[in-house]
Amino acid sequence: ASGPDEESPLDGMALVREKVALLSAMAGDFAGG
């Protein structure tokens, strides 16, 4: 949700799209829990 600032002229979505290869997250339950 972040906007451009002194760190980057890109908003948050564009910054993630440009600079993040993968999000590895411990989250959810995929065994029906």
PDB file of all heavy atoms in Angstrom:
ATOM      1  N   ALA A   1       0.806  -1.226   0.000  1.00  0.00           N
ATOM      2  CA  ALA A   1       0.000   0.000   0.000  1.00  0.00           C
ATOM      3  C   ALA A   1       0.835   1.270   0.000  1.00  0.00           C
ATOM      4  O   ALA A   1       0.285   2.368  -0.127  1.00  0.00           O
ATOM      5  CB  ALA A   1      -0.924  -0.001   1.214  1.00  0.00           C
ATOM      6  N   SER A   2       2.150   1.142   0.137  1.00  0.00           N
ATOM      7  CA  SER A   2       2.993   2.330   0.281  1.00  0.00           C
ATOM      8  C   SER A   2       3.149   3.068  -1.031  1.00  0.00           C
ATOM      9  O   SER A   2       3.087   2.489  -2.117  1.00  0.00           O
ATOM     10  CB  SER A   2       4.369   1.936   0.826  1.00  0.00           C
ATOM     11  OG  SER A   2       5.061   1.118  -0.102  1.00  0.00           O
ATOM     12  N   GLY A   3       3.353   4.378  -0.918  1.00  0.00           N
ATOM     13  CA  GLY A   3       3.556   5.210  -2.087  1.00  0.00           C
ATOM     14  C   GLY A   3       5.021   5.559  -2.288  1.00  0.00           C
ATOM     15  O   GLY A   3       5.876   5.208  -1.471  1.00  0.00           O
ATOM     16  N   PRO A   4       5.341   6.233  -3.374  1.00  0.00           N
ATOM     17  CA  PRO A   4       6.714   6.669  -3.613  1.00  0.00           C
ATOM     18  C   PRO A   4       7.223   7.521  -2.450  1.00  0.00           C
ATOM     19  O   PRO A   4       6.460   8.255  -1.819  1.00  0.00           O
ATOM     20  CB  PRO A   4       6.605   7.488  -4.895  1.00  0.00           C
ATOM     21  CG  PRO A   4       5.360   6.998  -5.565  1.00  0.00           C
ATOM     22  CD  PRO A   4       4.427   6.642  -4.456  1.00  0.00           C
ATOM     23  N   ASP A   5       8.505   7.408  -2.164  1.00  0.00           N
ATOM     24  CA  ASP A   5       9.106   8.201  -1.093  1.00  0.00           C
ATOM     25  C   ASP A   5      10.578   8.403  -1.411  1.00  0.00           C
ATOM     26  O   ASP A   5      11.024   8.144  -2.536  1.00  0.00           O
ATOM     27  CB  ASP A   5       8.920   7.521   0.267  1.00  0.00           C
ATOM     28  CG  ASP A   5       9.532   6.125   0.338  1.00  0.00           C
ATOM     29  OD1 ASP A   5      10.256   5.734  -0.612  1.00  0.00           O
ATOM     30  OD2 ASP A   5       9.305   5.416   1.339  1.00  0.00           O
ATOM     31  N   GLU A   6      11.351   8.871  -0.414  1.00  0.00           N
ATOM     32  CA  GLU A   6      12.769   9.124  -0.651  1.00  0.00           C
ATOM     33  C   GLU A   6      13.546   7.843  -0.924  1.00  0.00           C
ATOM     34  O   GLU A   6      14.662   7.885  -1.455  1.00  0.00           O
ATOM     35  CB  GLU A   6      13.390   9.862   0.542  1.00  0.00           C
ATOM     36  CG  GLU A   6      13.457   9.074   1.840  1.00  0.00           C
ATOM     37  CD  GLU A   6      12.182   9.114   2.651  1.00  0.00           C
ATOM     38  OE1 GLU A   6      11.150   9.585   2.116  1.00  0.00           O
ATOM     39  OE2 GLU A   6      12.211   8.675   3.820  1.00  0.00           O
ATOM     40  N   GLU A   7      12.979   6.677  -0.565  1.00  0.00           N
ATOM     41  CA  GLU A   7      13.658   5.410  -0.813  1.00  0.00           C
ATOM     42  C   GLU A   7      13.542   4.990  -2.279  1.00  0.00           C
ATOM     43  O   GLU A   7      14.475   4.424  -2.839  1.00  0.00           O
ATOM     44  CB  GLU A   7      13.087   4.308   0.077  1.00  0.00           C
ATOM     45  CG  GLU A   7      13.002   4.630   1.563  1.00  0.00           C
ATOM     46  CD  GLU A   7      14.362   4.832   2.209  1.00  0.00           C
ATOM     47  OE1 GLU A   7      15.370   4.472   1.581  1.00  0.00           O
ATOM     48  OE2 GLU A   7      14.407   5.347   3.336  1.00  0.00           O
ATOM     49  N   SER A   8      12.385   5.248  -2.883  1.00  0.00           N
ATOM     50  CA  SER A   8      12.149   4.811  -4.255  1.00  0.00           C
ATOM     51  C   SER A   8      11.006   5.615  -4.862  1.00  0.00           C
ATOM     52  O   SER A   8      10.022   5.917  -4.168  1.00  0.00           O
ATOM     53  CB  SER A   8      11.790   3.323  -4.284  1.00  0.00           C
ATOM     54  OG  SER A   8      11.354   2.928  -5.574  1.00  0.00           O
ATOM     55  N   PRO A   9      11.089   5.938  -6.160  1.00  0.00           N
ATOM     56  CA  PRO A   9       9.972   6.609  -6.830  1.00  0.00           C
ATOM     57  C   PRO A   9       8.824   5.668  -7.161  1.00  0.00           C
ATOM     58  O   PRO A   9       7.773   6.112  -7.633  1.00  0.00           O
ATOM     59  CB  PRO A   9      10.620   7.152  -8.109  1.00  0.00           C
ATOM     60  CG  PRO A   9      11.740   6.196  -8.392  1.00  0.00           C
ATOM     61  CD  PRO A   9      12.258   5.779  -7.050  1.00  0.00           C
ATOM     62  N   LEU A  10       9.000   4.378  -6.893  1.00  0.00           N
ATOM     63  CA  LEU A  10       7.971   3.392  -7.206  1.00  0.00           C
ATOM     64  C   LEU A  10       7.012   3.226  -6.037  1.00  0.00           C
ATOM     65  O   LEU A  10       7.406   3.307  -4.873  1.00  0.00           O
ATOM     66  CB  LEU A  10       8.614   2.031  -7.511  1.00  0.00           C
ATOM     67  CG  LEU A  10       9.603   1.980  -8.675  1.00  0.00           C
ATOM     68  CD1 LEU A  10      10.202   0.586  -8.782  1.00  0.00           C
ATOM     69  CD2 LEU A  10       8.935   2.376  -9.981  1.00  0.00           C
ATOM     70  N   ASP A  11       5.742   2.950  -6.334  1.00  0.00           N
ATOM     71  CA  ASP A  11       4.831   2.574  -5.262  1.00  0.00           C
ATOM     72  C   ASP A  11       5.117   1.138  -4.845  1.00  0.00           C
ATOM     73  O   ASP A  11       5.938   0.437  -5.445  1.00  0.00           O
ATOM     74  CB  ASP A  11       3.374   2.778  -5.662  1.00  0.00           C
ATOM     75  CG  ASP A  11       2.900   1.874  -6.802  1.00  0.00           C
ATOM     76  OD1 ASP A  11       3.506   0.795  -7.016  1.00  0.00           O
ATOM     77  OD2 ASP A  11       1.929   2.229  -7.477  1.00  0.00           O
ATOM     78  N   GLY A  12       4.450   0.692  -3.784  1.00  0.00           N
ATOM     79  CA  GLY A  12       4.779  -0.601  -3.216  1.00  0.00           C
ATOM     80  C   GLY A  12       4.594  -1.764  -4.170  1.00  0.00           C
ATOM     81  O   GLY A  12       5.448  -2.663  -4.240  1.00  0.00           O
ATOM     82  N   MET A  13       3.493  -1.772  -4.903  1.00  0.00           N
ATOM     83  CA  MET A  13       3.246  -2.872  -5.829  1.00  0.00           C
ATOM     84  C   MET A  13       4.328  -2.936  -6.895  1.00  0.00           C
ATOM     85  O   MET A  13       4.853  -4.018  -7.211  1.00  0.00           O
ATOM     86  CB  MET A  13       1.868  -2.713  -6.476  1.00  0.00           C
ATOM     87  CG  MET A  13       0.695  -2.930  -5.542  1.00  0.00           C
ATOM     88  SD  MET A  13       0.461  -4.681  -5.063  1.00  0.00           S
ATOM     89  CE  MET A  13      -0.246  -5.352  -6.567  1.00  0.00           C
ATOM     90  N   ALA A  14       4.690  -1.774  -7.450  1.00  0.00           N
ATOM     91  CA  ALA A  14       5.719  -1.755  -8.489  1.00  0.00           C
ATOM     92  C   ALA A  14       7.084  -2.130  -7.929  1.00  0.00           C
ATOM     93  O   ALA A  14       7.879  -2.816  -8.590  1.00  0.00           O
ATOM     94  CB  ALA A  14       5.773  -0.363  -9.128  1.00  0.00           C
ATOM     95  N   LEU A  15       7.371  -1.707  -6.694  1.00  0.00           N
ATOM     96  CA  LEU A  15       8.653  -2.023  -6.074  1.00  0.00           C
ATOM     97  C   LEU A  15       8.788  -3.531  -5.847  1.00  0.00           C
ATOM     98  O   LEU A  15       9.838  -4.126  -6.117  1.00  0.00           O
ATOM     99  CB  LEU A  15       8.788  -1.265  -4.758  1.00  0.00           C
ATOM    100  CG  LEU A  15      10.125  -1.355  -4.026  1.00  0.00           C
ATOM    101  CD1 LEU A  15      11.261  -0.828  -4.891  1.00  0.00           C
ATOM    102  CD2 LEU A  15      10.055  -0.586  -2.705  1.00  0.00           C
ATOM    103  N   VAL A  16       7.715  -4.162  -5.367  1.00  0.00           N
ATOM    104  CA  VAL A  16       7.738  -5.614  -5.173  1.00  0.00           C
ATOM    105  C   VAL A  16       7.881  -6.323  -6.513  1.00  0.00           C
ATOM    106  O   VAL A  16       8.664  -7.275  -6.655  1.00  0.00           O
ATOM    107  CB  VAL A  16       6.473  -6.071  -4.432  1.00  0.00           C
ATOM    108  CG1 VAL A  16       6.337  -7.590  -4.474  1.00  0.00           C
ATOM    109  CG2 VAL A  16       6.484  -5.574  -2.993  1.00  0.00           C
ATOM    110  N   ARG A  17       7.148  -5.857  -7.486  1.00  0.00           N
ATOM    111  CA  ARG A  17       7.203  -6.486  -8.812  1.00  0.00           C
ATOM    112  C   ARG A  17       8.625  -6.425  -9.383  1.00  0.00           C
ATOM    113  O   ARG A  17       9.099  -7.368 -10.015  1.00  0.00           O
ATOM    114  CB  ARG A  17       6.218  -5.796  -9.751  1.00  0.00           C
ATOM    115  CG  ARG A  17       5.955  -6.526 -11.059  1.00  0.00           C
ATOM    116  CD  ARG A  17       4.899  -5.826 -11.880  1.00  0.00           C
ATOM    117  NE  ARG A  17       3.592  -5.882 -11.250  1.00  0.00           N
ATOM    118  CZ  ARG A  17       2.945  -4.835 -10.751  1.00  0.00           C
ATOM    119  NH1 ARG A  17       3.490  -3.619 -10.808  1.00  0.00           N
ATOM    120  NH2 ARG A  17       1.747  -4.966 -10.197  1.00  0.00           N
ATOM    121  N   GLU A  18       9.316  -5.319  -9.139  1.00  0.00           N
ATOM    122  CA  GLU A  18      10.650  -5.135  -9.698  1.00  0.00           C
ATOM    123  C   GLU A  18      11.742  -5.811  -8.886  1.00  0.00           C
ATOM    124  O   GLU A  18      12.727  -6.298  -9.436  1.00  0.00           O
ATOM    125  CB  GLU A  18      10.964  -3.635  -9.807  1.00  0.00           C
ATOM    126  CG  GLU A  18      12.334  -3.330 -10.399  1.00  0.00           C
ATOM    127  CD  GLU A  18      12.556  -1.848 -10.593  1.00  0.00           C
ATOM    128  OE1 GLU A  18      11.944  -1.280 -11.521  1.00  0.00           O
ATOM    129  OE2 GLU A  18      13.338  -1.252  -9.820  1.00  0.00           O
ATOM    130  N   LYS A  19      11.574  -5.879  -7.560  1.00  0.00           N
ATOM    131  CA  LYS A  19      12.695  -6.265  -6.704  1.00  0.00           C
ATOM    132  C   LYS A  19      12.527  -7.573  -5.926  1.00  0.00           C
ATOM    133  O   LYS A  19      13.467  -7.999  -5.257  1.00  0.00           O
ATOM    134  CB  LYS A  19      12.983  -5.134  -5.704  1.00  0.00           C
ATOM    135  CG  LYS A  19      13.555  -3.873  -6.325  1.00  0.00           C
ATOM    136  CD  LYS A  19      14.911  -4.147  -6.956  1.00  0.00           C
ATOM    137  CE  LYS A  19      15.586  -2.902  -7.478  1.00  0.00           C
ATOM    138  NZ  LYS A  19      16.206  -2.085  -6.438  1.00  0.00           N
ATOM    139  N   VAL A  20      11.367  -8.220  -5.972  1.00  0.00           N
ATOM    140  CA  VAL A  20      11.160  -9.442  -5.195  1.00  0.00           C
ATOM    141  C   VAL A  20      11.042 -10.640  -6.143  1.00  0.00           C
ATOM    142  O   VAL A  20      10.191 -10.655  -7.029  1.00  0.00           O
ATOM    143  CB  VAL A  20       9.912  -9.338  -4.296  1.00  0.00           C
ATOM    144  CG1 VAL A  20       9.688 -10.655  -3.548  1.00  0.00           C
ATOM    145  CG2 VAL A  20      10.077  -8.200  -3.292  1.00  0.00           C
ATOM    146  N   ALA A  21      11.901 -11.630  -5.916  1.00  0.00           N
ATOM    147  CA  ALA A  21      11.859 -12.843  -6.724  1.00  0.00           C
ATOM    148  C   ALA A  21      10.834 -13.832  -6.201  1.00  0.00           C
ATOM    149  O   ALA A  21      10.180 -14.536  -6.980  1.00  0.00           O
ATOM    150  CB  ALA A  21      13.245 -13.500  -6.743  1.00  0.00           C
ATOM    151  N   LEU A  22      10.695 -13.911  -4.856  1.00  0.00           N
ATOM    152  CA  LEU A  22       9.838 -14.926  -4.251  1.00  0.00           C
ATOM    153  C   LEU A  22       9.458 -14.491  -2.850  1.00  0.00           C
ATOM    154  O   LEU A  22      10.270 -13.901  -2.130  1.00  0.00           O
ATOM    155  CB  LEU A  22      10.581 -16.266  -4.171  1.00  0.00           C
ATOM    156  CG  LEU A  22       9.874 -17.415  -3.438  1.00  0.00           C
ATOM    157  CD1 LEU A  22       8.717 -17.948  -4.287  1.00  0.00           C
ATOM    158  CD2 LEU A  22      10.850 -18.534  -3.094  1.00  0.00           C
ATOM    159  N   LEU A  23       8.238 -14.790  -2.465  1.00  0.00           N
ATOM    160  CA  LEU A  23       7.808 -14.712  -1.081  1.00  0.00           C
ATOM    161  C   LEU A  23       7.626 -16.138  -0.580  1.00  0.00           C
ATOM    162  O   LEU A  23       6.807 -16.897  -1.103  1.00  0.00           O
ATOM    163  CB  LEU A  23       6.498 -13.937  -0.957  1.00  0.00           C
ATOM    164  CG  LEU A  23       5.835 -13.944   0.432  1.00  0.00           C
ATOM    165  CD1 LEU A  23       6.738 -13.330   1.489  1.00  0.00           C
ATOM    166  CD2 LEU A  23       4.481 -13.220   0.383  1.00  0.00           C
ATOM    167  N   SER A  24       8.426 -16.517   0.425  1.00  0.00           N
ATOM    168  CA  SER A  24       8.305 -17.833   1.075  1.00  0.00           C
ATOM    169  C   SER A  24       7.676 -17.592   2.432  1.00  0.00           C
ATOM    170  O   SER A  24       8.309 -17.021   3.329  1.00  0.00           O
ATOM    171  CB  SER A  24       9.682 -18.488   1.228  1.00  0.00           C
ATOM    172  OG  SER A  24       9.582 -19.736   1.879  1.00  0.00           O
ATOM    173  N   ALA A  25       6.418 -17.990   2.595  1.00  0.00           N
ATOM    174  CA  ALA A  25       5.643 -17.614   3.781  1.00  0.00           C
ATOM    175  C   ALA A  25       5.159 -18.834   4.537  1.00  0.00           C
ATOM    176  O   ALA A  25       4.706 -19.812   3.949  1.00  0.00           O
ATOM    177  CB  ALA A  25       4.447 -16.752   3.383  1.00  0.00           C
ATOM    178  N   MET A  26       5.270 -18.768   5.876  1.00  0.00           N
ATOM    179  CA  MET A  26       4.604 -19.746   6.716  1.00  0.00           C
ATOM    180  C   MET A  26       3.224 -19.199   6.999  1.00  0.00           C
ATOM    181  O   MET A  26       3.045 -18.293   7.809  1.00  0.00           O
ATOM    182  CB  MET A  26       5.401 -19.933   8.022  1.00  0.00           C
ATOM    183  CG  MET A  26       4.937 -21.152   8.855  1.00  0.00           C
ATOM    184  SD  MET A  26       3.509 -20.822   9.884  1.00  0.00           S
ATOM    185  CE  MET A  26       2.345 -21.987   9.158  1.00  0.00           C
ATOM    186  N   ALA A  27       2.237 -19.730   6.308  1.00  0.00           N
ATOM    187  CA  ALA A  27       0.872 -19.221   6.439  1.00  0.00           C
ATOM    188  C   ALA A  27      -0.093 -20.232   5.845  1.00  0.00           C
ATOM    189  O   ALA A  27       0.216 -20.916   4.871  1.00  0.00           O
ATOM    190  CB  ALA A  27       0.720 -17.866   5.732  1.00  0.00           C
ATOM    191  N   GLY A  28      -1.263 -20.311   6.446  1.00  0.00           N
ATOM    192  CA  GLY A  28      -2.329 -21.138   5.904  1.00  0.00           C
ATOM    193  C   GLY A  28      -2.299 -22.569   6.427  1.00  0.00           C
ATOM    194  O   GLY A  28      -1.427 -22.967   7.199  1.00  0.00           O
ATOM    195  N   ASP A  29      -3.305 -23.299   5.994  1.00  0.00           N
ATOM    196  CA  ASP A  29      -3.445 -24.714   6.328  1.00  0.00           C
ATOM    197  C   ASP A  29      -4.075 -25.369   5.112  1.00  0.00           C
ATOM    198  O   ASP A  29      -5.207 -25.039   4.744  1.00  0.00           O
ATOM    199  CB  ASP A  29      -4.317 -24.891   7.571  1.00  0.00           C
ATOM    200  CG  ASP A  29      -4.398 -26.336   8.048  1.00  0.00           C
ATOM    201  OD1 ASP A  29      -4.210 -27.244   7.225  1.00  0.00           O
ATOM    202  OD2 ASP A  29      -4.649 -26.559   9.246  1.00  0.00           O
ATOM    203  N   PHE A  30      -3.324 -26.278   4.478  1.00  0.00           N
ATOM    204  CA  PHE A  30      -3.782 -26.880   3.236  1.00  0.00           C
ATOM    205  C   PHE A  30      -4.146 -28.349   3.412  1.00  0.00           C
ATOM    206  O   PHE A  30      -4.200 -29.113   2.448  1.00  0.00           O
ATOM    207  CB  PHE A  30      -2.729 -26.674   2.148  1.00  0.00           C
ATOM    208  CG  PHE A  30      -2.458 -25.217   1.908  1.00  0.00           C
ATOM    209  CD1 PHE A  30      -1.389 -24.583   2.529  1.00  0.00           C
ATOM    210  CD2 PHE A  30      -3.312 -24.463   1.130  1.00  0.00           C
ATOM    211  CE1 PHE A  30      -1.163 -23.231   2.352  1.00  0.00           C
ATOM    212  CE2 PHE A  30      -3.100 -23.108   0.939  1.00  0.00           C
ATOM    213  CZ  PHE A  30      -2.023 -22.488   1.547  1.00  0.00           C
ATOM    214  N   ALA A  31      -4.415 -28.707   4.679  1.00  0.00           N
ATOM    215  CA  ALA A  31      -4.883 -30.059   4.982  1.00  0.00           C
ATOM    216  C   ALA A  31      -6.293 -30.018   5.555  1.00  0.00           C
ATOM    217  O   ALA A  31      -6.696 -30.916   6.292  1.00  0.00           O
ATOM    218  CB  ALA A  31      -3.925 -30.725   5.959  1.00  0.00           C
ATOM    219  N   GLY A  32      -7.028 -28.964   5.249  1.00  0.00           N
ATOM    220  CA  GLY A  32      -8.421 -28.875   5.653  1.00  0.00           C
ATOM    221  C   GLY A  32      -8.644 -28.460   7.079  1.00  0.00           C
ATOM    222  O   GLY A  32      -9.730 -28.685   7.641  1.00  0.00           O
ATOM    223  N   GLY A  33      -7.657 -27.842   7.695  1.00  0.00           N
ATOM    224  CA  GLY A  33      -7.770 -27.462   9.093  1.00  0.00           C
ATOM    225  C   GLY A  33      -8.454 -26.130   9.307  1.00  0.00           C
ATOM    226  O   GLY A  33      -8.992 -25.504   8.383  1.00  0.00           O
TER     227      GLY A  33
END
